[in-house]
Amino acid sequence: GCPAVDVMKEDILIALQKSGYVNSRVES
């Protein structure tokens, strides 16, 4: 039930997109 997991996923995707990894997904 960690409330931070959605923010972590979003932050991961943003970091990847900024570095050119536009086709990414995060799985818990």
PDB file of all heavy atoms in Angstrom:
ATOM      1  N   GLY A   1       0.799  -1.221   0.000  1.00  0.00           N
ATOM      2  CA  GLY A   1       0.000   0.000   0.000  1.00  0.00           C
ATOM      3  C   GLY A   1       0.828   1.266   0.000  1.00  0.00           C
ATOM      4  O   GLY A   1       0.316   2.337   0.322  1.00  0.00           O
ATOM      5  N   CYS A   2       2.091   1.169  -0.365  1.00  0.00           N
ATOM      6  CA  CYS A   2       2.982   2.322  -0.324  1.00  0.00           C
ATOM      7  C   CYS A   2       2.451   3.449  -1.218  1.00  0.00           C
ATOM      8  O   CYS A   2       2.304   3.260  -2.429  1.00  0.00           O
ATOM      9  CB  CYS A   2       4.391   1.929  -0.766  1.00  0.00           C
ATOM     10  SG  CYS A   2       5.543   3.317  -0.792  1.00  0.00           S
ATOM     11  N   PRO A   3       2.145   4.613  -0.626  1.00  0.00           N
ATOM     12  CA  PRO A   3       1.602   5.712  -1.430  1.00  0.00           C
ATOM     13  C   PRO A   3       2.628   6.344  -2.371  1.00  0.00           C
ATOM     14  O   PRO A   3       2.253   7.054  -3.294  1.00  0.00           O
ATOM     15  CB  PRO A   3       1.132   6.721  -0.378  1.00  0.00           C
ATOM     16  CG  PRO A   3       1.962   6.438   0.823  1.00  0.00           C
ATOM     17  CD  PRO A   3       2.263   4.963   0.790  1.00  0.00           C
ATOM     18  N   ALA A   4       3.903   6.070  -2.166  1.00  0.00           N
ATOM     19  CA  ALA A   4       4.946   6.686  -2.990  1.00  0.00           C
ATOM     20  C   ALA A   4       5.203   5.938  -4.294  1.00  0.00           C
ATOM     21  O   ALA A   4       5.884   6.454  -5.172  1.00  0.00           O
ATOM     22  CB  ALA A   4       6.244   6.778  -2.186  1.00  0.00           C
ATOM     23  N   VAL A   5       4.652   4.740  -4.445  1.00  0.00           N
ATOM     24  CA  VAL A   5       4.991   3.911  -5.606  1.00  0.00           C
ATOM     25  C   VAL A   5       4.579   4.565  -6.926  1.00  0.00           C
ATOM     26  O   VAL A   5       5.326   4.494  -7.906  1.00  0.00           O
ATOM     27  CB  VAL A   5       4.438   2.475  -5.465  1.00  0.00           C
ATOM     28  CG1 VAL A   5       2.946   2.411  -5.679  1.00  0.00           C
ATOM     29  CG2 VAL A   5       5.158   1.530  -6.400  1.00  0.00           C
ATOM     30  N   ASP A   6       3.433   5.231  -6.973  1.00  0.00           N
ATOM     31  CA  ASP A   6       3.015   5.875  -8.222  1.00  0.00           C
ATOM     32  C   ASP A   6       3.949   7.029  -8.585  1.00  0.00           C
ATOM     33  O   ASP A   6       4.265   7.230  -9.764  1.00  0.00           O
ATOM     34  CB  ASP A   6       1.573   6.365  -8.122  1.00  0.00           C
ATOM     35  CG  ASP A   6       0.571   5.216  -8.123  1.00  0.00           C
ATOM     36  OD1 ASP A   6       0.896   4.133  -8.669  1.00  0.00           O
ATOM     37  OD2 ASP A   6      -0.537   5.388  -7.580  1.00  0.00           O
ATOM     38  N   VAL A   7       4.408   7.767  -7.585  1.00  0.00           N
ATOM     39  CA  VAL A   7       5.356   8.861  -7.838  1.00  0.00           C
ATOM     40  C   VAL A   7       6.688   8.281  -8.312  1.00  0.00           C
ATOM     41  O   VAL A   7       7.306   8.815  -9.236  1.00  0.00           O
ATOM     42  CB  VAL A   7       5.535   9.736  -6.577  1.00  0.00           C
ATOM     43  CG1 VAL A   7       6.607  10.803  -6.803  1.00  0.00           C
ATOM     44  CG2 VAL A   7       4.217  10.379  -6.185  1.00  0.00           C
ATOM     45  N   MET A   8       7.132   7.180  -7.707  1.00  0.00           N
ATOM     46  CA  MET A   8       8.375   6.538  -8.145  1.00  0.00           C
ATOM     47  C   MET A   8       8.272   6.126  -9.610  1.00  0.00           C
ATOM     48  O   MET A   8       9.195   6.372 -10.395  1.00  0.00           O
ATOM     49  CB  MET A   8       8.673   5.300  -7.298  1.00  0.00           C
ATOM     50  CG  MET A   8       9.195   5.583  -5.931  1.00  0.00           C
ATOM     51  SD  MET A   8       9.552   4.008  -5.110  1.00  0.00           S
ATOM     52  CE  MET A   8       9.445   4.491  -3.415  1.00  0.00           C
ATOM     53  N   LYS A   9       7.163   5.493  -9.972  1.00  0.00           N
ATOM     54  CA  LYS A   9       6.972   5.062 -11.362  1.00  0.00           C
ATOM     55  C   LYS A   9       7.031   6.252 -12.315  1.00  0.00           C
ATOM     56  O   LYS A   9       7.699   6.200 -13.353  1.00  0.00           O
ATOM     57  CB  LYS A   9       5.626   4.348 -11.512  1.00  0.00           C
ATOM     58  CG  LYS A   9       5.579   2.969 -10.926  1.00  0.00           C
ATOM     59  CD  LYS A   9       4.198   2.356 -11.122  1.00  0.00           C
ATOM     60  CE  LYS A   9       4.138   0.937 -10.634  1.00  0.00           C
ATOM     61  NZ  LYS A   9       2.810   0.327 -10.857  1.00  0.00           N
ATOM     62  N   GLU A  10       6.340   7.311 -11.956  1.00  0.00           N
ATOM     63  CA  GLU A  10       6.327   8.511 -12.790  1.00  0.00           C
ATOM     64  C   GLU A  10       7.730   9.112 -12.902  1.00  0.00           C
ATOM     65  O   GLU A  10       8.171   9.491 -13.989  1.00  0.00           O
ATOM     66  CB  GLU A  10       5.356   9.527 -12.195  1.00  0.00           C
ATOM     67  CG  GLU A  10       5.183  10.777 -13.036  1.00  0.00           C
ATOM     68  CD  GLU A  10       4.151  11.723 -12.433  1.00  0.00           C
ATOM     69  OE1 GLU A  10       3.121  11.254 -11.925  1.00  0.00           O
ATOM     70  OE2 GLU A  10       4.409  12.935 -12.480  1.00  0.00           O
ATOM     71  N   ASP A  11       8.444   9.193 -11.789  1.00  0.00           N
ATOM     72  CA  ASP A  11       9.808   9.750 -11.796  1.00  0.00           C
ATOM     73  C   ASP A  11      10.755   8.899 -12.643  1.00  0.00           C
ATOM     74  O   ASP A  11      11.633   9.433 -13.329  1.00  0.00           O
ATOM     75  CB  ASP A  11      10.343   9.878 -10.372  1.00  0.00           C
ATOM     76  CG  ASP A  11       9.654  10.990  -9.571  1.00  0.00           C
ATOM     77  OD1 ASP A  11       8.910  11.795 -10.170  1.00  0.00           O
ATOM     78  OD2 ASP A  11       9.857  11.019  -8.336  1.00  0.00           O
ATOM     79  N   ILE A  12      10.585   7.579 -12.598  1.00  0.00           N
ATOM     80  CA  ILE A  12      11.397   6.684 -13.431  1.00  0.00           C
ATOM     81  C   ILE A  12      11.141   6.972 -14.908  1.00  0.00           C
ATOM     82  O   ILE A  12      12.077   7.141 -15.698  1.00  0.00           O
ATOM     83  CB  ILE A  12      11.103   5.207 -13.103  1.00  0.00           C
ATOM     84  CG1 ILE A  12      11.643   4.851 -11.713  1.00  0.00           C
ATOM     85  CG2 ILE A  12      11.669   4.271 -14.178  1.00  0.00           C
ATOM     86  CD1 ILE A  12      11.132   3.520 -11.165  1.00  0.00           C
ATOM     87  N   LEU A  13       9.872   7.038 -15.282  1.00  0.00           N
ATOM     88  CA  LEU A  13       9.522   7.281 -16.684  1.00  0.00           C
ATOM     89  C   LEU A  13      10.018   8.641 -17.162  1.00  0.00           C
ATOM     90  O   LEU A  13      10.521   8.769 -18.279  1.00  0.00           O
ATOM     91  CB  LEU A  13       8.015   7.140 -16.886  1.00  0.00           C
ATOM     92  CG  LEU A  13       7.473   5.716 -16.750  1.00  0.00           C
ATOM     93  CD1 LEU A  13       5.949   5.713 -16.804  1.00  0.00           C
ATOM     94  CD2 LEU A  13       8.061   4.795 -17.811  1.00  0.00           C
ATOM     95  N   ILE A  14       9.912   9.658 -16.328  1.00  0.00           N
ATOM     96  CA  ILE A  14      10.400  10.993 -16.687  1.00  0.00           C
ATOM     97  C   ILE A  14      11.910  10.967 -16.898  1.00  0.00           C
ATOM     98  O   ILE A  14      12.422  11.509 -17.888  1.00  0.00           O
ATOM     99  CB  ILE A  14      10.000  12.032 -15.614  1.00  0.00           C
ATOM    100  CG1 ILE A  14       8.487  12.293 -15.670  1.00  0.00           C
ATOM    101  CG2 ILE A  14      10.780  13.333 -15.787  1.00  0.00           C
ATOM    102  CD1 ILE A  14       7.946  13.097 -14.491  1.00  0.00           C
ATOM    103  N   ALA A  15      12.640  10.329 -15.985  1.00  0.00           N
ATOM    104  CA  ALA A  15      14.103  10.243 -16.121  1.00  0.00           C
ATOM    105  C   ALA A  15      14.487   9.517 -17.409  1.00  0.00           C
ATOM    106  O   ALA A  15      15.415   9.936 -18.113  1.00  0.00           O
ATOM    107  CB  ALA A  15      14.708   9.540 -14.909  1.00  0.00           C
ATOM    108  N   LEU A  16      13.789   8.438 -17.709  1.00  0.00           N
ATOM    109  CA  LEU A  16      14.086   7.684 -18.925  1.00  0.00           C
ATOM    110  C   LEU A  16      13.765   8.497 -20.175  1.00  0.00           C
ATOM    111  O   LEU A  16      14.560   8.537 -21.120  1.00  0.00           O
ATOM    112  CB  LEU A  16      13.316   6.359 -18.924  1.00  0.00           C
ATOM    113  CG  LEU A  16      13.764   5.338 -17.881  1.00  0.00           C
ATOM    114  CD1 LEU A  16      12.805   4.154 -17.837  1.00  0.00           C
ATOM    115  CD2 LEU A  16      15.182   4.869 -18.133  1.00  0.00           C
ATOM    116  N   GLN A  17      12.605   9.157 -20.185  1.00  0.00           N
ATOM    117  CA  GLN A  17      12.206   9.951 -21.348  1.00  0.00           C
ATOM    118  C   GLN A  17      13.183  11.097 -21.602  1.00  0.00           C
ATOM    119  O   GLN A  17      13.535  11.372 -22.750  1.00  0.00           O
ATOM    120  CB  GLN A  17      10.781  10.477 -21.173  1.00  0.00           C
ATOM    121  CG  GLN A  17       9.743   9.382 -21.308  1.00  0.00           C
ATOM    122  CD  GLN A  17       8.337   9.826 -20.927  1.00  0.00           C
ATOM    123  OE1 GLN A  17       8.120  10.947 -20.505  1.00  0.00           O
ATOM    124  NE2 GLN A  17       7.384   8.914 -21.062  1.00  0.00           N
ATOM    125  N   LYS A  18      13.633  11.759 -20.529  1.00  0.00           N
ATOM    126  CA  LYS A  18      14.592  12.859 -20.676  1.00  0.00           C
ATOM    127  C   LYS A  18      15.904  12.384 -21.281  1.00  0.00           C
ATOM    128  O   LYS A  18      16.632  13.172 -21.884  1.00  0.00           O
ATOM    129  CB  LYS A  18      14.857  13.518 -19.325  1.00  0.00           C
ATOM    130  CG  LYS A  18      13.755  14.423 -18.862  1.00  0.00           C
ATOM    131  CD  LYS A  18      14.121  15.087 -17.546  1.00  0.00           C
ATOM    132  CE  LYS A  18      13.041  16.034 -17.085  1.00  0.00           C
ATOM    133  NZ  LYS A  18      13.385  16.654 -15.786  1.00  0.00           N
ATOM    134  N   SER A  19      16.205  11.110 -21.133  1.00  0.00           N
ATOM    135  CA  SER A  19      17.453  10.554 -21.681  1.00  0.00           C
ATOM    136  C   SER A  19      17.230   9.804 -22.991  1.00  0.00           C
ATOM    137  O   SER A  19      18.108   9.081 -23.446  1.00  0.00           O
ATOM    138  CB  SER A  19      18.098   9.631 -20.647  1.00  0.00           C
ATOM    139  OG  SER A  19      18.504  10.391 -19.530  1.00  0.00           O
ATOM    140  N   GLY A  20      16.049   9.955 -23.559  1.00  0.00           N
ATOM    141  CA  GLY A  20      15.784   9.386 -24.871  1.00  0.00           C
ATOM    142  C   GLY A  20      15.141   8.009 -24.878  1.00  0.00           C
ATOM    143  O   GLY A  20      14.917   7.435 -25.942  1.00  0.00           O
ATOM    144  N   TYR A  21      14.834   7.464 -23.726  1.00  0.00           N
ATOM    145  CA  TYR A  21      14.169   6.159 -23.645  1.00  0.00           C
ATOM    146  C   TYR A  21      12.664   6.396 -23.575  1.00  0.00           C
ATOM    147  O   TYR A  21      12.056   6.374 -22.506  1.00  0.00           O
ATOM    148  CB  TYR A  21      14.650   5.370 -22.420  1.00  0.00           C
ATOM    149  CG  TYR A  21      16.126   5.066 -22.442  1.00  0.00           C
ATOM    150  CD1 TYR A  21      17.032   5.864 -21.746  1.00  0.00           C
ATOM    151  CD2 TYR A  21      16.618   3.980 -23.168  1.00  0.00           C
ATOM    152  CE1 TYR A  21      18.391   5.591 -21.766  1.00  0.00           C
ATOM    153  CE2 TYR A  21      17.978   3.702 -23.194  1.00  0.00           C
ATOM    154  CZ  TYR A  21      18.852   4.514 -22.492  1.00  0.00           C
ATOM    155  OH  TYR A  21      20.205   4.242 -22.517  1.00  0.00           O
ATOM    156  N   VAL A  22      12.069   6.641 -24.746  1.00  0.00           N
ATOM    157  CA  VAL A  22      10.655   7.032 -24.792  1.00  0.00           C
ATOM    158  C   VAL A  22       9.703   5.841 -24.732  1.00  0.00           C
ATOM    159  O   VAL A  22       8.534   5.995 -24.393  1.00  0.00           O
ATOM    160  CB  VAL A  22      10.357   7.887 -26.043  1.00  0.00           C
ATOM    161  CG1 VAL A  22      11.068   9.232 -25.947  1.00  0.00           C
ATOM    162  CG2 VAL A  22      10.762   7.166 -27.315  1.00  0.00           C
ATOM    163  N   ASN A  23      10.178   4.664 -25.057  1.00  0.00           N
ATOM    164  CA  ASN A  23       9.337   3.474 -25.032  1.00  0.00           C
ATOM    165  C   ASN A  23       9.697   2.651 -23.799  1.00  0.00           C
ATOM    166  O   ASN A  23      10.435   1.669 -23.870  1.00  0.00           O
ATOM    167  CB  ASN A  23       9.539   2.658 -26.322  1.00  0.00           C
ATOM    168  CG  ASN A  23       8.487   1.583 -26.488  1.00  0.00           C
ATOM    169  OD1 ASN A  23       7.468   1.582 -25.809  1.00  0.00           O
ATOM    170  ND2 ASN A  23       8.748   0.657 -27.388  1.00  0.00           N
ATOM    171  N   SER A  24       9.170   3.075 -22.648  1.00  0.00           N
ATOM    172  CA  SER A  24       9.505   2.435 -21.376  1.00  0.00           C
ATOM    173  C   SER A  24       8.244   2.188 -20.572  1.00  0.00           C
ATOM    174  O   SER A  24       7.252   2.896 -20.714  1.00  0.00           O
ATOM    175  CB  SER A  24      10.437   3.334 -20.553  1.00  0.00           C
ATOM    176  OG  SER A  24      11.579   3.681 -21.280  1.00  0.00           O
ATOM    177  N   ARG A  25       8.326   1.205 -19.720  1.00  0.00           N
ATOM    178  CA  ARG A  25       7.239   0.982 -18.768  1.00  0.00           C
ATOM    179  C   ARG A  25       7.828   0.466 -17.463  1.00  0.00           C
ATOM    180  O   ARG A  25       8.926  -0.074 -17.423  1.00  0.00           O
ATOM    181  CB  ARG A  25       6.166   0.051 -19.318  1.00  0.00           C
ATOM    182  CG  ARG A  25       6.565  -1.351 -19.574  1.00  0.00           C
ATOM    183  CD  ARG A  25       5.407  -2.123 -20.265  1.00  0.00           C
ATOM    184  NE  ARG A  25       5.877  -3.401 -20.710  1.00  0.00           N
ATOM    185  CZ  ARG A  25       5.713  -4.533 -20.041  1.00  0.00           C
ATOM    186  NH1 ARG A  25       5.044  -4.528 -18.908  1.00  0.00           N
ATOM    187  NH2 ARG A  25       6.194  -5.660 -20.505  1.00  0.00           N
ATOM    188  N   VAL A  26       7.054   0.684 -16.400  1.00  0.00           N
ATOM    189  CA  VAL A  26       7.476   0.282 -15.066  1.00  0.00           C
ATOM    190  C   VAL A  26       6.453  -0.694 -14.531  1.00  0.00           C
ATOM    191  O   VAL A  26       5.252  -0.457 -14.590  1.00  0.00           O
ATOM    192  CB  VAL A  26       7.591   1.494 -14.115  1.00  0.00           C
ATOM    193  CG1 VAL A  26       8.050   1.051 -12.733  1.00  0.00           C
ATOM    194  CG2 VAL A  26       8.535   2.546 -14.688  1.00  0.00           C
ATOM    195  N   GLU A  27       6.964  -1.792 -14.021  1.00  0.00           N
ATOM    196  CA  GLU A  27       6.117  -2.851 -13.479  1.00  0.00           C
ATOM    197  C   GLU A  27       6.424  -3.021 -11.990  1.00  0.00           C
ATOM    198  O   GLU A  27       7.590  -3.022 -11.595  1.00  0.00           O
ATOM    199  CB  GLU A  27       6.446  -4.149 -14.229  1.00  0.00           C
ATOM    200  CG  GLU A  27       5.704  -5.361 -13.809  1.00  0.00           C
ATOM    201  CD  GLU A  27       6.144  -6.565 -14.649  1.00  0.00           C
ATOM    202  OE1 GLU A  27       5.550  -6.779 -15.710  1.00  0.00           O
ATOM    203  OE2 GLU A  27       7.100  -7.258 -14.225  1.00  0.00           O
ATOM    204  N   SER A  28       5.370  -3.150 -11.181  1.00  0.00           N
ATOM    205  CA  SER A  28       5.558  -3.437  -9.753  1.00  0.00           C
ATOM    206  C   SER A  28       5.478  -4.934  -9.538  1.00  0.00           C
ATOM    207  O   SER A  28       4.621  -5.604 -10.109  1.00  0.00           O
ATOM    208  CB  SER A  28       4.465  -2.772  -8.918  1.00  0.00           C
ATOM    209  OG  SER A  28       4.634  -1.398  -8.895  1.00  0.00           O
TER     210      SER A  28
END
